[in-house]
C-alpha atoms as a PDB file:
ATOM      1  CA  MET A   1     146.352 128.612 240.902  1.00  0.00           C
ATOM      2  CA  THR A   2     144.149 125.534 240.483  1.00  0.00           C
ATOM      3  CA  SER A   3     142.012 124.552 237.502  1.00  0.00           C
ATOM      4  CA  GLU A   4     140.536 121.135 236.688  1.00  0.00           C
ATOM      5  CA  LYS A   5     142.437 119.612 239.665  1.00  0.00           C
ATOM      6  CA  VAL A   6     145.786 120.829 238.323  1.00  0.00           C
ATOM      7  CA  THR A   7     147.661 123.263 240.554  1.00  0.00           C
ATOM      8  CA  ILE A   8     150.502 125.427 239.286  1.00  0.00           C
ATOM      9  CA  SER A   9     152.718 127.757 241.264  1.00  0.00           C
ATOM     10  CA  ALA A  10     155.600 129.911 240.071  1.00  0.00           C
ATOM     11  CA  GLU A  11     158.316 132.005 241.687  1.00  0.00           C
ATOM     12  CA  ALA A  12     160.944 134.189 240.047  1.00  0.00           C
ATOM     13  CA  PHE A  13     164.456 133.701 241.452  1.00  0.00           C
ATOM     14  CA  ILE A  14     165.955 137.189 241.417  1.00  0.00           C
ATOM     15  CA  THR A  15     167.941 137.697 244.606  1.00  0.00           C
ATOM     16  CA  ASP A  16     171.394 136.257 245.206  1.00  0.00           C
ATOM     17  CA  GLU A  17     170.022 134.270 248.160  1.00  0.00           C
ATOM     18  CA  GLN A  18     167.368 132.602 246.006  1.00  0.00           C
ATOM     19  CA  ALA A  19     169.791 131.943 243.158  1.00  0.00           C
ATOM     20  CA  LYS A  20     172.413 130.453 245.470  1.00  0.00           C
ATOM     21  CA  ILE A  21     169.990 127.711 246.526  1.00  0.00           C
ATOM     22  CA  ALA A  22     169.341 126.609 242.944  1.00  0.00           C
ATOM     23  CA  PHE A  23     172.367 127.728 240.939  1.00  0.00           C
ATOM     24  CA  GLY A  24     175.255 127.984 243.383  1.00  0.00           C
ATOM     25  CA  LYS A  25     177.532 130.938 242.628  1.00  0.00           C
ATOM     26  CA  VAL A  26     175.701 131.973 239.464  1.00  0.00           C
ATOM     27  CA  ASN A  27     172.729 134.326 239.600  1.00  0.00           C
ATOM     28  CA  PRO A  28     171.262 134.200 236.054  1.00  0.00           C
ATOM     29  CA  TRP A  29     169.283 137.398 236.661  1.00  0.00           C
ATOM     30  CA  ARG A  30     172.582 139.336 236.853  1.00  0.00           C
ATOM     31  CA  PHE A  31     173.177 138.255 233.229  1.00  0.00           C
ATOM     32  CA  GLY A  32     169.718 139.229 231.962  1.00  0.00           C
ATOM     33  CA  VAL A  33     168.131 135.787 232.339  1.00  0.00           C
ATOM     34  CA  LEU A  34     165.072 135.520 234.583  1.00  0.00           C
ATOM     35  CA  PRO A  35     164.706 132.019 236.067  1.00  0.00           C
ATOM     36  CA  VAL A  36     161.169 131.146 237.179  1.00  0.00           C
ATOM     37  CA  LEU A  37     160.603 128.003 239.234  1.00  0.00           C
ATOM     38  CA  VAL A  38     157.391 126.289 238.089  1.00  0.00           C
ATOM     39  CA  VAL A  39     155.721 123.500 240.084  1.00  0.00           C
ATOM     40  CA  ILE A  40     152.799 121.582 238.560  1.00  0.00           C
ATOM     41  CA  GLN A  41     150.735 119.226 240.754  1.00  0.00           C
ATOM     42  CA  ASN A  42     148.342 116.893 238.911  1.00  0.00           C
ATOM     43  CA  ASP A  43     145.495 115.844 241.222  1.00  0.00           C
ATOM     44  CA  SER A  44     143.237 114.876 238.326  1.00  0.00           C
ATOM     45  CA  PRO A  45     142.437 111.208 237.574  1.00  0.00           C
ATOM     46  CA  HIS A  46     144.240 111.429 234.207  1.00  0.00           C
ATOM     47  CA  ALA A  47     147.834 111.902 233.124  1.00  0.00           C
ATOM     48  CA  LEU A  48     148.771 115.375 231.975  1.00  0.00           C
ATOM     49  CA  ARG A  49     150.908 116.038 228.890  1.00  0.00           C
ATOM     50  CA  VAL A  50     153.179 119.035 229.361  1.00  0.00           C
ATOM     51  CA  ASP A  51     155.582 118.507 226.447  1.00  0.00           C
ATOM     52  CA  ARG A  52     153.820 121.179 224.375  1.00  0.00           C
ATOM     53  CA  ALA A  53     153.291 123.659 227.193  1.00  0.00           C
ATOM     54  CA  SER A  54     153.906 127.296 226.397  1.00  0.00           C
ATOM     55  CA  PHE A  55     155.299 129.671 229.034  1.00  0.00           C
ATOM     56  CA  VAL A  56     155.074 133.431 228.453  1.00  0.00           C
ATOM     57  CA  TYR A  57     156.238 136.135 230.871  1.00  0.00           C
ATOM     58  CA  VAL A  58     153.845 139.092 230.660  1.00  0.00           C
ATOM     59  CA  LEU A  59     155.119 142.466 231.886  1.00  0.00           C
ATOM     60  CA  PRO A  60     152.803 145.141 233.369  1.00  0.00           C
ATOM     61  CA  ASP A  61     152.754 147.047 230.045  1.00  0.00           C
ATOM     62  CA  ARG A  62     151.362 143.799 228.513  1.00  0.00           C
ATOM     63  CA  SER A  63     154.544 143.140 226.523  1.00  0.00           C
ATOM     64  CA  LYS A  64     155.265 139.431 226.276  1.00  0.00           C
ATOM     65  CA  VAL A  65     158.522 137.513 226.603  1.00  0.00           C
ATOM     66  CA  GLU A  66     158.627 133.919 225.317  1.00  0.00           C
ATOM     67  CA  SER A  67     160.536 131.310 227.315  1.00  0.00           C
ATOM     68  CA  ILE A  68     164.019 130.269 226.228  1.00  0.00           C
ATOM     69  CA  PRO A  69     165.012 126.588 225.996  1.00  0.00           C
ATOM     70  CA  ALA A  70     167.518 125.824 228.762  1.00  0.00           C
ATOM     71  CA  ALA A  71     170.071 124.587 226.212  1.00  0.00           C
ATOM     72  CA  GLU A  72     170.097 128.052 224.598  1.00  0.00           C
ATOM     73  CA  VAL A  73     170.591 130.102 227.778  1.00  0.00           C
ATOM     74  CA  ARG A  74     174.376 129.769 227.546  1.00  0.00           C
ATOM     75  CA  PHE A  75     174.325 131.595 224.202  1.00  0.00           C
ATOM     76  CA  LEU A  76     172.444 134.669 225.431  1.00  0.00           C
ATOM     77  CA  GLN A  77     175.545 136.385 226.730  1.00  0.00           C
ATOM     78  CA  GLY A  78     177.376 137.678 223.669  1.00  0.00           C
ATOM     79  CA  PRO A  79     181.092 137.030 223.179  1.00  0.00           C
ATOM     80  CA  ASN A  80     183.491 139.517 224.741  1.00  0.00           C
ATOM     81  CA  GLN A  81     185.188 141.724 222.188  1.00  0.00           C
ATOM     82  CA  PRO A  82     188.759 142.890 222.831  1.00  0.00           C
ATOM     83  CA  ASN A  83     189.301 146.606 223.401  1.00  0.00           C
ATOM     84  CA  ARG A  84     191.340 147.874 220.444  1.00  0.00           C
ATOM     85  CA  MET A  85     192.111 151.151 218.820  1.00  0.00           C
ATOM     86  CA  PRO A  86     191.275 151.436 215.090  1.00  0.00           C
ATOM     87  CA  GLY A  87     194.192 150.327 212.929  1.00  0.00           C
ATOM     88  CA  GLN A  88     195.840 148.510 215.822  1.00  0.00           C
ATOM     89  CA  ALA A  89     197.007 144.948 215.185  1.00  0.00           C
ATOM     90  CA  PRO A  90     195.284 142.292 217.278  1.00  0.00           C
ATOM     91  CA  PRO A  91     197.245 140.978 220.249  1.00  0.00           C
ATOM     92  CA  ILE A  92     199.200 137.792 219.675  1.00  0.00           C
ATOM     93  CA  LYS A  93     199.464 136.466 223.207  1.00  0.00           C
ATOM     94  CA  ILE A  94     197.340 133.435 223.966  1.00  0.00           C
ATOM     95  CA  MET A  95     195.157 133.743 227.022  1.00  0.00           C
ATOM     96  CA  LYS A  96     192.791 131.388 228.725  1.00  0.00           C
ATOM     97  CA  GLY A  97     189.276 132.661 228.101  1.00  0.00           C
ATOM     98  CA  LYS A  98     186.762 133.411 230.811  1.00  0.00           C
ATOM     99  CA  GLN A  99     184.174 130.777 231.549  1.00  0.00           C
ATOM    100  CA  ASN A 100     180.632 131.673 230.544  1.00  0.00           C
ATOM    101  CA  PRO A 101     178.697 131.752 233.839  1.00  0.00           C
ATOM    102  CA  LEU A 102     175.484 130.839 231.993  1.00  0.00           C
ATOM    103  CA  ALA A 103     177.095 127.572 230.857  1.00  0.00           C
ATOM    104  CA  ALA A 104     176.917 126.180 234.421  1.00  0.00           C
ATOM    105  CA  TRP A 105     175.362 122.699 234.553  1.00  0.00           C
ATOM    106  CA  GLU A 106     172.717 123.931 237.003  1.00  0.00           C
ATOM    107  CA  ILE A 107     171.035 126.023 234.301  1.00  0.00           C
ATOM    108  CA  GLU A 108     170.187 123.041 232.102  1.00  0.00           C
ATOM    109  CA  GLY A 109     170.132 120.470 234.899  1.00  0.00           C
ATOM    110  CA  ARG A 110     167.413 122.246 236.875  1.00  0.00           C
ATOM    111  CA  ALA A 111     165.227 123.212 233.920  1.00  0.00           C
ATOM    112  CA  PHE A 112     161.624 122.058 233.637  1.00  0.00           C
ATOM    113  CA  ALA A 113     161.967 118.923 231.523  1.00  0.00           C
ATOM    114  CA  ALA A 114     158.845 116.853 232.235  1.00  0.00           C
ATOM    115  CA  LYS A 115     156.961 115.461 229.240  1.00  0.00           C
ATOM    116  CA  ALA A 116     153.980 114.117 231.196  1.00  0.00           C
ATOM    117  CA  ILE A 117     152.742 114.132 234.786  1.00  0.00           C
ATOM    118  CA  PRO A 118     150.923 111.014 236.058  1.00  0.00           C
ATOM    119  CA  PRO A 119     147.813 111.372 238.258  1.00  0.00           C
ATOM    120  CA  GLY A 120     148.698 112.347 241.825  1.00  0.00           C
ATOM    121  CA  GLN A 121     152.262 113.338 240.888  1.00  0.00           C
ATOM    122  CA  SER A 122     154.052 116.644 240.460  1.00  0.00           C
ATOM    123  CA  ALA A 123     156.866 118.036 238.328  1.00  0.00           C
ATOM    124  CA  SER A 124     159.018 121.094 238.829  1.00  0.00           C
ATOM    125  CA  GLY A 125     161.867 122.958 237.223  1.00  0.00           C
ATOM    126  CA  PHE A 126     163.017 126.319 235.972  1.00  0.00           C
ATOM    127  CA  ILE A 127     161.732 128.155 232.925  1.00  0.00           C
ATOM    128  CA  TYR A 128     164.041 130.883 231.597  1.00  0.00           C
ATOM    129  CA  PHE A 129     163.212 134.266 230.084  1.00  0.00           C
ATOM    130  CA  SER A 130     165.387 136.977 228.572  1.00  0.00           C
ATOM    131  CA  ALA A 131     163.343 139.637 230.314  1.00  0.00           C
ATOM    132  CA  PRO A 132     164.562 143.242 230.350  1.00  0.00           C
ATOM    133  CA  THR A 133     162.928 143.843 233.716  1.00  0.00           C
ATOM    134  CA  THR A 134     160.703 142.219 236.290  1.00  0.00           C
ATOM    135  CA  SER A 135     157.851 143.477 238.407  1.00  0.00           C
ATOM    136  CA  ASP A 136     155.438 142.307 241.069  1.00  0.00           C
ATOM    137  CA  ALA A 137     152.706 143.225 238.578  1.00  0.00           C
ATOM    138  CA  ALA A 138     154.086 140.784 235.974  1.00  0.00           C
ATOM    139  CA  SER A 139     152.472 137.408 235.382  1.00  0.00           C
ATOM    140  CA  LEU A 140     153.276 134.015 233.921  1.00  0.00           C
ATOM    141  CA  TYR A 141     150.859 132.800 231.238  1.00  0.00           C
ATOM    142  CA  ILE A 142     150.851 129.014 230.765  1.00  0.00           C
ATOM    143  CA  SER A 143     148.934 127.194 228.036  1.00  0.00           C
ATOM    144  CA  GLY A 144     149.192 123.941 226.111  1.00  0.00           C
ATOM    145  CA  LEU A 145     148.625 121.515 229.008  1.00  0.00           C
ATOM    146  CA  ILE A 146     146.749 118.514 227.626  1.00  0.00           C
ATOM    147  CA  ASN A 147     144.712 115.768 229.277  1.00  0.00           C
ATOM    148  CA  ALA A 148     146.540 112.666 227.991  1.00  0.00           C
ATOM    149  CA  VAL A 149     143.381 110.519 228.009  1.00  0.00           C
ATOM    150  CA  THR A 150     140.857 112.821 226.330  1.00  0.00           C
ATOM    151  CA  GLY A 151     143.312 114.910 224.326  1.00  0.00           C
ATOM    152  CA  GLY A 152     141.551 118.064 225.468  1.00  0.00           C
ATOM    153  CA  GLU A 153     143.549 121.143 226.353  1.00  0.00           C
ATOM    154  CA  LEU A 154     143.168 122.502 229.867  1.00  0.00           C
ATOM    155  CA  TYR A 155     142.162 126.083 230.469  1.00  0.00           C
ATOM    156  CA  TYR A 156     145.150 128.438 230.485  1.00  0.00           C
ATOM    157  CA  PHE A 157     146.827 129.561 233.708  1.00  0.00           C
ATOM    158  CA  ASP A 158     147.696 133.204 234.409  1.00  0.00           C
ATOM    159  CA  ILE A 159     149.816 133.352 237.555  1.00  0.00           C
ATOM    160  CA  GLY A 160     150.722 136.647 239.203  1.00  0.00           C
ATOM    161  CA  MET A 161     154.397 137.009 240.106  1.00  0.00           C
ATOM    162  CA  SER A 162     153.743 139.098 243.220  1.00  0.00           C
ATOM    163  CA  GLY A 163     154.772 136.205 245.459  1.00  0.00           C
ATOM    164  CA  GLN A 164     151.282 135.859 246.899  1.00  0.00           C
END
């Protein structure tokens, strides 16, 4: 979608094949985290501030899911609780805990982290959502992009996630 010479595209990475390209062995969607690759191309004559951008995943029923900071994704998967019978003493043996798959460096390392985009340049990265489901009828609503010279906010972007 293009508005005021700024083009934004987005693609949800759901399948194992897509996730393998960006995240290696970890597919965040299998752990309830929807990664959406966002690419912003600034063809305007002015720099674009994106540090205050807001990303909202809108489901077909119009329910909204706010984006999650990449540094917080690792905490979305709750701690594993041991299986115990009531009144049973906790086990004493020391075991090496399982690694949290959402703590992989790729999650934070590939996140959208741009603060500004100079004229003629682009920025890309993943935005994460704790979305209960996904759909081709869902959309990504982006607001808060600011022209760094005039200080004016650009019109919002509403991008369909149908892959078209």
